[in-house]
C-alpha atoms as a PDB file:
ATOM      1  CA  MET A   1      82.276 131.973  96.585  1.00  0.00           C
ATOM      2  CA  SER A   2      82.838 133.718  93.787  1.00  0.00           C
ATOM      3  CA  GLY A   3      78.756 134.575  93.314  1.00  0.00           C
ATOM      4  CA  TYR A   4      75.824 132.543  92.103  1.00  0.00           C
ATOM      5  CA  SER A   5      75.179 131.733  88.647  1.00  0.00           C
ATOM      6  CA  GLU A   6      71.691 130.917  89.172  1.00  0.00           C
ATOM      7  CA  SER A   7      68.784 133.689  89.923  1.00  0.00           C
ATOM      8  CA  LEU A   8      67.630 134.234  93.163  1.00  0.00           C
ATOM      9  CA  PRO A   9      64.280 135.522  94.070  1.00  0.00           C
ATOM     10  CA  PHE A  10      64.245 138.997  95.033  1.00  0.00           C
ATOM     11  CA  GLN A  11      62.868 139.448  98.608  1.00  0.00           C
ATOM     12  CA  GLY A  12      62.837 143.052  98.844  1.00  0.00           C
ATOM     13  CA  ILE A  13      64.783 145.907 100.349  1.00  0.00           C
ATOM     14  CA  GLU A  14      64.753 146.866 103.863  1.00  0.00           C
ATOM     15  CA  GLU A  15      62.651 150.295 104.319  1.00  0.00           C
ATOM     16  CA  GLU A  16      65.835 152.178 105.965  1.00  0.00           C
ATOM     17  CA  GLY A  17      68.151 150.783 103.153  1.00  0.00           C
ATOM     18  CA  TYR A  18      65.717 151.968 100.661  1.00  0.00           C
ATOM     19  CA  LEU A  19      65.517 155.277 102.055  1.00  0.00           C
ATOM     20  CA  LYS A  20      69.333 155.892 102.019  1.00  0.00           C
ATOM     21  CA  LEU A  21      69.247 154.407  98.344  1.00  0.00           C
ATOM     22  CA  LYS A  22      66.719 156.342  97.138  1.00  0.00           C
ATOM     23  CA  ALA A  23      67.971 159.487  98.311  1.00  0.00           C
ATOM     24  CA  GLU A  24      71.576 158.927  96.935  1.00  0.00           C
ATOM     25  CA  SER A  25      70.126 157.902  93.505  1.00  0.00           C
ATOM     26  CA  ASP A  26      68.139 161.351  93.950  1.00  0.00           C
ATOM     27  CA  GLU A  27      71.546 163.217  94.842  1.00  0.00           C
ATOM     28  CA  PHE A  28      73.757 162.003  92.225  1.00  0.00           C
ATOM     29  CA  PRO A  29      71.459 160.858  89.178  1.00  0.00           C
ATOM     30  CA  GLU A  30      74.278 160.732  87.011  1.00  0.00           C
ATOM     31  CA  TYR A  31      76.400 158.278  89.127  1.00  0.00           C
ATOM     32  CA  ALA A  32      73.437 155.851  90.179  1.00  0.00           C
ATOM     33  CA  THR A  33      70.711 153.937  88.457  1.00  0.00           C
ATOM     34  CA  PRO A  34      67.697 155.082  90.338  1.00  0.00           C
ATOM     35  CA  ILE A  35      66.720 152.617  93.053  1.00  0.00           C
ATOM     36  CA  ASP A  36      63.232 152.050  91.795  1.00  0.00           C
ATOM     37  CA  ASP A  37      64.800 151.192  88.362  1.00  0.00           C
ATOM     38  CA  LEU A  38      67.110 148.440  89.934  1.00  0.00           C
ATOM     39  CA  ILE A  39      64.089 147.214  91.921  1.00  0.00           C
ATOM     40  CA  LYS A  40      61.727 146.502  88.910  1.00  0.00           C
ATOM     41  CA  ARG A  41      65.025 144.676  87.406  1.00  0.00           C
ATOM     42  CA  PHE A  42      65.343 142.678  90.541  1.00  0.00           C
ATOM     43  CA  GLU A  43      61.732 141.731  90.732  1.00  0.00           C
ATOM     44  CA  ILE A  44      61.473 140.725  87.059  1.00  0.00           C
ATOM     45  CA  GLU A  45      64.946 139.213  86.385  1.00  0.00           C
ATOM     46  CA  GLY A  46      65.679 137.967  89.869  1.00  0.00           C
ATOM     47  CA  ILE A  47      68.999 138.650  91.527  1.00  0.00           C
ATOM     48  CA  LYS A  48      72.506 137.227  91.565  1.00  0.00           C
ATOM     49  CA  ILE A  49      75.341 137.669  94.042  1.00  0.00           C
ATOM     50  CA  VAL A  50      78.927 138.935  92.581  1.00  0.00           C
ATOM     51  CA  ILE A  51      82.187 139.125  93.958  1.00  0.00           C
ATOM     52  CA  GLU A  52      84.385 141.502  93.013  1.00  0.00           C
ATOM     53  CA  LYS A  53      87.799 142.880  94.129  1.00  0.00           C
ATOM     54  CA  GLY A  54      86.570 141.757  97.487  1.00  0.00           C
ATOM     55  CA  ARG A  55      83.345 143.376  97.707  1.00  0.00           C
ATOM     56  CA  VAL A  56      80.198 141.573  97.562  1.00  0.00           C
ATOM     57  CA  TYR A  57      76.998 143.108  95.022  1.00  0.00           C
ATOM     58  CA  VAL A  58      73.549 142.313  94.126  1.00  0.00           C
ATOM     59  CA  ILE A  59      72.904 142.701  90.837  1.00  0.00           C
ATOM     60  CA  SER A  60      69.967 142.048  88.410  1.00  0.00           C
ATOM     61  CA  PHE A  61      70.337 138.378  87.348  1.00  0.00           C
ATOM     62  CA  ASN A  62      70.988 139.430  83.636  1.00  0.00           C
ATOM     63  CA  SER A  63      72.982 142.286  84.304  1.00  0.00           C
ATOM     64  CA  SER A  64      77.022 142.839  84.589  1.00  0.00           C
ATOM     65  CA  ILE A  65      78.482 144.714  87.279  1.00  0.00           C
ATOM     66  CA  THR A  66      79.049 148.163  87.148  1.00  0.00           C
ATOM     67  CA  ASN A  67      79.249 150.821  89.974  1.00  0.00           C
ATOM     68  CA  ASN A  68      75.765 152.270  89.143  1.00  0.00           C
ATOM     69  CA  ASN A  69      73.869 148.980  88.739  1.00  0.00           C
ATOM     70  CA  CYS A  70      74.475 147.349  92.182  1.00  0.00           C
ATOM     71  CA  ILE A  71      73.508 147.682  95.898  1.00  0.00           C
ATOM     72  CA  PHE A  72      74.922 145.695  98.994  1.00  0.00           C
ATOM     73  CA  PRO A  73      73.461 142.694 100.511  1.00  0.00           C
ATOM     74  CA  ARG A  74      73.225 144.371 103.642  1.00  0.00           C
ATOM     75  CA  PHE A  75      69.950 146.263 101.781  1.00  0.00           C
ATOM     76  CA  LEU A  76      67.959 143.480 101.624  1.00  0.00           C
ATOM     77  CA  LYS A  77      65.323 142.005 103.435  1.00  0.00           C
ATOM     78  CA  VAL A  78      65.664 138.742 105.201  1.00  0.00           C
ATOM     79  CA  GLU A  79      62.793 136.533 105.057  1.00  0.00           C
ATOM     80  CA  ASP A  80      61.938 132.933 105.766  1.00  0.00           C
ATOM     81  CA  GLY A  81      62.927 130.196 102.951  1.00  0.00           C
ATOM     82  CA  MET A  82      65.599 132.458 101.409  1.00  0.00           C
ATOM     83  CA  ASP A  83      68.764 131.035 100.214  1.00  0.00           C
ATOM     84  CA  ASN A  84      70.730 130.377 103.524  1.00  0.00           C
ATOM     85  CA  ASN A  85      74.066 131.624 101.985  1.00  0.00           C
ATOM     86  CA  LEU A  86      72.212 134.830 100.884  1.00  0.00           C
ATOM     87  CA  ARG A  87      71.040 135.323 104.400  1.00  0.00           C
ATOM     88  CA  MET A  88      74.436 134.864 106.057  1.00  0.00           C
ATOM     89  CA  LEU A  89      75.612 137.262 103.539  1.00  0.00           C
ATOM     90  CA  ILE A  90      73.046 139.827 104.400  1.00  0.00           C
ATOM     91  CA  LYS A  91      73.602 139.453 108.125  1.00  0.00           C
ATOM     92  CA  ALA A  92      77.464 140.028 108.036  1.00  0.00           C
ATOM     93  CA  GLY A  93      76.996 143.084 106.064  1.00  0.00           C
ATOM     94  CA  LYS A  94      74.787 144.467 108.860  1.00  0.00           C
ATOM     95  CA  GLN A  95      77.308 143.641 111.372  1.00  0.00           C
ATOM     96  CA  PRO A  96      79.253 146.804 112.821  1.00  0.00           C
ATOM     97  CA  GLY A  97      82.850 147.310 111.776  1.00  0.00           C
END
């Protein structure tokens, strides 16, 4: 899978992940798009999965990948009825080492 070409619905971010991402974007504002801004884009546009250089990223559907406008799938909530491939990516990212 090289990524999705269609928009997937944004199900939200796990609370623990949100707090971590918020702290990082507050500490390094010049290197990261604020997580609240990313969430707004995800809610409006939906998300897409991008695989680049062997890493899997979540970005807003109308974006191209940069280091400061993406999150890892492990931060997303797993919800009933979501895309099964996305569910597997999220769960795989949460597995230790």
